[in-house]
Amino acid sequence: MSSDTSDKKPAVSDVKTSGGDQINLKVRDADGNEVQFRIKKHTPLRKLMDAYCTRKGVDLHSYRFLFDGNRINEDDTPEKLGMEDMDSIDAMLFQQGGV
């Protein structure tokens, strides 16, 4: 029985380790409304952007996503951009200029 107990303990450690690989991010629109997401640090942010747009009922390409004033590319990851837990992403409705 003690061997079963020792087998279970590493599994718990694995869960804690994988939890450290995730990050909580907030997506804020121009009205100040926020939606929080939990995503792995190495997952492309397209997944978060898709989920946000699906929740809003809009097309992915109708929004621009910014972090620290810089546009986020679909293949960027939280790790690549140096994001930390509870950082905010700005979701701006895309406006095409011209007269």
N, C-alpha and C. Protein backbone atom coordinates (compact mmCIF):
# COMPACT_ATOMS: atom_id res chain seq x y z
N MET A 1 0.80 -1.20 0.00
CA MET A 1 0.00 0.00 0.00
C MET A 1 0.85 1.27 0.00
N SER A 2 1.94 1.23 0.73
CA SER A 2 2.78 2.42 0.77
C SER A 2 3.34 2.75 -0.62
N SER A 3 3.55 1.73 -1.45
CA SER A 3 4.02 2.01 -2.81
C SER A 3 2.94 2.70 -3.63
N ASP A 4 1.64 2.39 -3.38
CA ASP A 4 0.55 3.09 -4.06
C ASP A 4 0.53 4.55 -3.66
N THR A 5 0.75 4.82 -2.38
CA THR A 5 0.75 6.19 -1.90
C THR A 5 1.90 6.98 -2.53
N SER A 6 3.07 6.38 -2.62
CA SER A 6 4.20 7.09 -3.22
C SER A 6 3.99 7.29 -4.73
N ASP A 7 3.23 6.38 -5.36
CA ASP A 7 2.92 6.56 -6.77
C ASP A 7 2.00 7.76 -6.98
N LYS A 8 1.11 8.01 -6.05
CA LYS A 8 0.17 9.11 -6.19
C LYS A 8 0.82 10.47 -5.95
N LYS A 9 1.79 10.54 -5.05
CA LYS A 9 2.41 11.82 -4.73
C LYS A 9 3.09 12.48 -5.93
N PRO A 10 3.85 11.77 -6.76
CA PRO A 10 4.44 12.43 -7.92
C PRO A 10 3.39 12.98 -8.88
N ALA A 11 2.25 12.30 -8.98
CA ALA A 11 1.19 12.79 -9.85
C ALA A 11 0.69 14.15 -9.38
N VAL A 12 0.58 14.34 -8.07
CA VAL A 12 0.15 15.62 -7.52
C VAL A 12 1.20 16.69 -7.84
N SER A 13 2.46 16.34 -7.73
CA SER A 13 3.53 17.28 -8.07
C SER A 13 3.47 17.67 -9.55
N ASP A 14 3.15 16.70 -10.40
CA ASP A 14 3.03 16.98 -11.82
C ASP A 14 1.93 17.99 -12.08
N VAL A 15 0.82 17.87 -11.37
CA VAL A 15 -0.29 18.80 -11.54
C VAL A 15 0.15 20.20 -11.14
N LYS A 16 0.87 20.31 -10.04
CA LYS A 16 1.34 21.62 -9.60
C LYS A 16 2.30 22.22 -10.61
N THR A 17 3.17 21.40 -11.18
CA THR A 17 4.12 21.88 -12.17
C THR A 17 3.41 22.37 -13.42
N SER A 18 2.42 21.61 -13.88
CA SER A 18 1.70 22.03 -15.08
C SER A 18 0.88 23.28 -14.81
N GLY A 19 0.42 23.47 -13.56
CA GLY A 19 -0.32 24.68 -13.20
C GLY A 19 0.57 25.91 -13.32
N GLY A 20 1.88 25.77 -13.06
CA GLY A 20 2.81 26.87 -13.17
C GLY A 20 3.07 27.25 -14.61
N ASP A 21 2.67 26.42 -15.54
CA ASP A 21 2.85 26.67 -16.96
C ASP A 21 1.70 27.52 -17.52
N GLN A 22 0.69 27.78 -16.70
CA GLN A 22 -0.47 28.54 -17.15
C GLN A 22 -0.43 29.96 -16.60
N ILE A 23 -1.15 30.82 -17.27
CA ILE A 23 -1.18 32.23 -16.91
C ILE A 23 -2.61 32.74 -17.06
N ASN A 24 -3.04 33.63 -16.18
CA ASN A 24 -4.34 34.27 -16.28
C ASN A 24 -4.16 35.61 -16.97
N LEU A 25 -4.94 35.84 -18.01
CA LEU A 25 -4.88 37.10 -18.75
C LEU A 25 -6.27 37.70 -18.83
N LYS A 26 -6.33 39.03 -18.79
CA LYS A 26 -7.59 39.74 -18.93
C LYS A 26 -7.61 40.42 -20.29
N VAL A 27 -8.75 40.33 -20.97
CA VAL A 27 -8.94 41.04 -22.24
C VAL A 27 -9.96 42.13 -21.96
N ARG A 28 -9.57 43.38 -22.22
CA ARG A 28 -10.41 44.54 -21.91
C ARG A 28 -10.78 45.26 -23.19
N ASP A 29 -12.08 45.55 -23.36
CA ASP A 29 -12.52 46.29 -24.55
C ASP A 29 -12.50 47.79 -24.27
N ALA A 30 -12.87 48.58 -25.26
CA ALA A 30 -12.83 50.04 -25.16
C ALA A 30 -13.79 50.57 -24.10
N ASP A 31 -14.83 49.82 -23.77
CA ASP A 31 -15.79 50.24 -22.75
C ASP A 31 -15.35 49.86 -21.34
N GLY A 32 -14.22 49.18 -21.23
CA GLY A 32 -13.70 48.78 -19.93
C GLY A 32 -14.19 47.42 -19.45
N ASN A 33 -14.98 46.73 -20.28
CA ASN A 33 -15.44 45.39 -19.91
C ASN A 33 -14.28 44.41 -20.02
N GLU A 34 -14.17 43.52 -19.03
CA GLU A 34 -13.06 42.57 -19.02
C GLU A 34 -13.56 41.14 -19.06
N VAL A 35 -12.82 40.30 -19.77
CA VAL A 35 -13.05 38.86 -19.79
C VAL A 35 -11.72 38.22 -19.43
N GLN A 36 -11.75 37.29 -18.49
CA GLN A 36 -10.51 36.65 -18.04
C GLN A 36 -10.36 35.27 -18.66
N PHE A 37 -9.13 34.96 -19.06
CA PHE A 37 -8.82 33.67 -19.67
C PHE A 37 -7.61 33.06 -18.96
N ARG A 38 -7.57 31.74 -18.94
CA ARG A 38 -6.40 31.00 -18.44
C ARG A 38 -5.83 30.25 -19.64
N ILE A 39 -4.55 30.47 -19.89
CA ILE A 39 -3.91 29.92 -21.08
C ILE A 39 -2.49 29.48 -20.73
N LYS A 40 -2.00 28.48 -21.43
CA LYS A 40 -0.61 28.06 -21.22
C LYS A 40 0.33 29.10 -21.82
N LYS A 41 1.48 29.26 -21.19
CA LYS A 41 2.43 30.29 -21.61
C LYS A 41 2.97 30.08 -23.02
N HIS A 42 2.96 28.85 -23.50
CA HIS A 42 3.50 28.58 -24.84
C HIS A 42 2.42 28.38 -25.90
N THR A 43 1.15 28.61 -25.54
CA THR A 43 0.04 28.48 -26.49
C THR A 43 -0.08 29.76 -27.32
N PRO A 44 -0.19 29.66 -28.63
CA PRO A 44 -0.38 30.86 -29.45
C PRO A 44 -1.62 31.64 -29.00
N LEU A 45 -1.49 32.96 -28.96
CA LEU A 45 -2.58 33.81 -28.47
C LEU A 45 -3.79 33.82 -29.40
N ARG A 46 -3.66 33.25 -30.58
CA ARG A 46 -4.81 33.13 -31.47
C ARG A 46 -5.95 32.38 -30.77
N LYS A 47 -5.61 31.40 -29.96
CA LYS A 47 -6.62 30.62 -29.25
C LYS A 47 -7.43 31.53 -28.31
N LEU A 48 -6.75 32.40 -27.58
CA LEU A 48 -7.42 33.34 -26.69
C LEU A 48 -8.25 34.34 -27.50
N MET A 49 -7.68 34.85 -28.59
CA MET A 49 -8.38 35.83 -29.41
C MET A 49 -9.63 35.22 -30.05
N ASP A 50 -9.52 33.98 -30.52
CA ASP A 50 -10.69 33.28 -31.07
C ASP A 50 -11.78 33.12 -30.02
N ALA A 51 -11.38 32.71 -28.82
CA ALA A 51 -12.35 32.50 -27.74
C ALA A 51 -13.04 33.81 -27.36
N TYR A 52 -12.28 34.90 -27.33
CA TYR A 52 -12.85 36.20 -27.00
C TYR A 52 -13.87 36.62 -28.05
N CYS A 53 -13.50 36.51 -29.32
CA CYS A 53 -14.41 36.91 -30.40
C CYS A 53 -15.65 36.02 -30.47
N THR A 54 -15.48 34.74 -30.20
CA THR A 54 -16.63 33.83 -30.17
C THR A 54 -17.59 34.25 -29.06
N ARG A 55 -17.03 34.59 -27.91
CA ARG A 55 -17.86 35.02 -26.78
C ARG A 55 -18.59 36.31 -27.11
N LYS A 56 -17.93 37.21 -27.84
CA LYS A 56 -18.54 38.49 -28.23
C LYS A 56 -19.46 38.35 -29.44
N GLY A 57 -19.34 37.23 -30.17
CA GLY A 57 -20.15 37.02 -31.36
C GLY A 57 -19.70 37.84 -32.55
N VAL A 58 -18.38 38.06 -32.65
CA VAL A 58 -17.84 38.86 -33.75
C VAL A 58 -16.73 38.08 -34.46
N ASP A 59 -16.38 38.53 -35.65
CA ASP A 59 -15.30 37.92 -36.42
C ASP A 59 -13.94 38.30 -35.82
N LEU A 60 -13.02 37.36 -35.82
CA LEU A 60 -11.69 37.59 -35.27
C LEU A 60 -11.01 38.82 -35.88
N HIS A 61 -11.21 39.04 -37.16
CA HIS A 61 -10.52 40.13 -37.84
C HIS A 61 -11.19 41.49 -37.66
N SER A 62 -12.25 41.55 -36.86
CA SER A 62 -12.88 42.84 -36.58
C SER A 62 -12.27 43.51 -35.35
N TYR A 63 -11.37 42.81 -34.66
CA TYR A 63 -10.69 43.36 -33.48
C TYR A 63 -9.18 43.35 -33.68
N ARG A 64 -8.52 44.29 -33.03
CA ARG A 64 -7.07 44.31 -32.94
C ARG A 64 -6.75 44.14 -31.46
N PHE A 65 -5.80 43.29 -31.16
CA PHE A 65 -5.42 43.00 -29.78
C PHE A 65 -4.04 43.60 -29.51
N LEU A 66 -3.95 44.34 -28.42
CA LEU A 66 -2.72 45.04 -28.08
C LEU A 66 -2.24 44.66 -26.68
N PHE A 67 -0.94 44.55 -26.54
CA PHE A 67 -0.32 44.34 -25.23
C PHE A 67 0.77 45.39 -25.07
N ASP A 68 0.67 46.19 -24.03
CA ASP A 68 1.61 47.30 -23.80
C ASP A 68 1.71 48.20 -25.03
N GLY A 69 0.59 48.42 -25.71
CA GLY A 69 0.55 49.31 -26.86
C GLY A 69 1.00 48.70 -28.17
N ASN A 70 1.47 47.47 -28.14
CA ASN A 70 1.94 46.80 -29.36
C ASN A 70 0.93 45.75 -29.81
N ARG A 71 0.74 45.68 -31.12
CA ARG A 71 -0.22 44.72 -31.67
C ARG A 71 0.27 43.29 -31.46
N ILE A 72 -0.66 42.42 -31.08
CA ILE A 72 -0.36 41.01 -30.87
C ILE A 72 -0.61 40.27 -32.17
N ASN A 73 0.36 39.48 -32.60
CA ASN A 73 0.19 38.61 -33.77
C ASN A 73 -0.42 37.29 -33.32
N GLU A 74 -1.11 36.63 -34.22
CA GLU A 74 -1.81 35.39 -33.89
C GLU A 74 -0.87 34.30 -33.40
N ASP A 75 0.37 34.30 -33.86
CA ASP A 75 1.31 33.25 -33.45
C ASP A 75 2.16 33.63 -32.24
N ASP A 76 1.96 34.84 -31.69
CA ASP A 76 2.66 35.22 -30.47
C ASP A 76 2.17 34.38 -29.30
N THR A 77 3.03 34.18 -28.32
CA THR A 77 2.66 33.45 -27.11
C THR A 77 2.87 34.38 -25.91
N PRO A 78 2.20 34.10 -24.79
CA PRO A 78 2.45 34.91 -23.58
C PRO A 78 3.93 34.91 -23.20
N GLU A 79 4.57 33.76 -23.34
CA GLU A 79 5.99 33.64 -23.01
C GLU A 79 6.84 34.54 -23.90
N LYS A 80 6.57 34.53 -25.20
CA LYS A 80 7.32 35.34 -26.17
C LYS A 80 7.18 36.83 -25.88
N LEU A 81 5.99 37.25 -25.43
CA LEU A 81 5.74 38.67 -25.17
C LEU A 81 6.09 39.08 -23.74
N GLY A 82 6.55 38.14 -22.93
CA GLY A 82 6.92 38.45 -21.55
C GLY A 82 5.73 38.77 -20.66
N MET A 83 4.59 38.18 -20.96
CA MET A 83 3.39 38.42 -20.17
C MET A 83 3.50 37.74 -18.81
N GLU A 84 2.89 38.38 -17.82
CA GLU A 84 2.85 37.84 -16.47
C GLU A 84 1.40 37.61 -16.07
N ASP A 85 1.22 36.86 -15.01
CA ASP A 85 -0.11 36.54 -14.52
C ASP A 85 -0.92 37.82 -14.27
N MET A 86 -2.15 37.84 -14.74
CA MET A 86 -3.11 38.93 -14.59
C MET A 86 -2.78 40.17 -15.43
N ASP A 87 -1.93 40.03 -16.44
CA ASP A 87 -1.70 41.13 -17.38
C ASP A 87 -2.96 41.36 -18.20
N SER A 88 -3.09 42.57 -18.74
CA SER A 88 -4.26 42.93 -19.54
C SER A 88 -3.90 43.08 -21.01
N ILE A 89 -4.81 42.62 -21.84
CA ILE A 89 -4.73 42.78 -23.29
C ILE A 89 -5.87 43.70 -23.69
N ASP A 90 -5.59 44.69 -24.52
CA ASP A 90 -6.63 45.59 -25.00
C ASP A 90 -7.19 45.07 -26.31
N ALA A 91 -8.53 44.98 -26.38
CA ALA A 91 -9.22 44.55 -27.59
C ALA A 91 -9.88 45.78 -28.20
N MET A 92 -9.38 46.21 -29.34
CA MET A 92 -9.88 47.41 -30.00
C MET A 92 -10.60 47.04 -31.29
N LEU A 93 -11.77 47.59 -31.46
CA LEU A 93 -12.53 47.37 -32.68
C LEU A 93 -11.75 47.97 -33.84
N PHE A 94 -11.51 47.17 -34.86
CA PHE A 94 -10.73 47.62 -36.01
C PHE A 94 -11.51 48.67 -36.78
N GLN A 95 -10.84 49.79 -37.06
CA GLN A 95 -11.45 50.86 -37.85
C GLN A 95 -10.55 51.13 -39.04
N GLN A 96 -11.13 50.98 -40.21
CA GLN A 96 -10.36 51.23 -41.42
C GLN A 96 -10.54 52.69 -41.79
N GLY A 97 -9.42 53.38 -41.95
CA GLY A 97 -9.47 54.81 -42.24
C GLY A 97 -9.63 55.10 -43.72
N GLY A 98 -9.77 56.36 -44.01
CA GLY A 98 -9.88 56.78 -45.40
C GLY A 98 -11.17 57.53 -45.65
N VAL A 99 -11.10 58.41 -46.60
CA VAL A 99 -12.28 59.21 -46.92
C VAL A 99 -12.67 59.01 -48.36
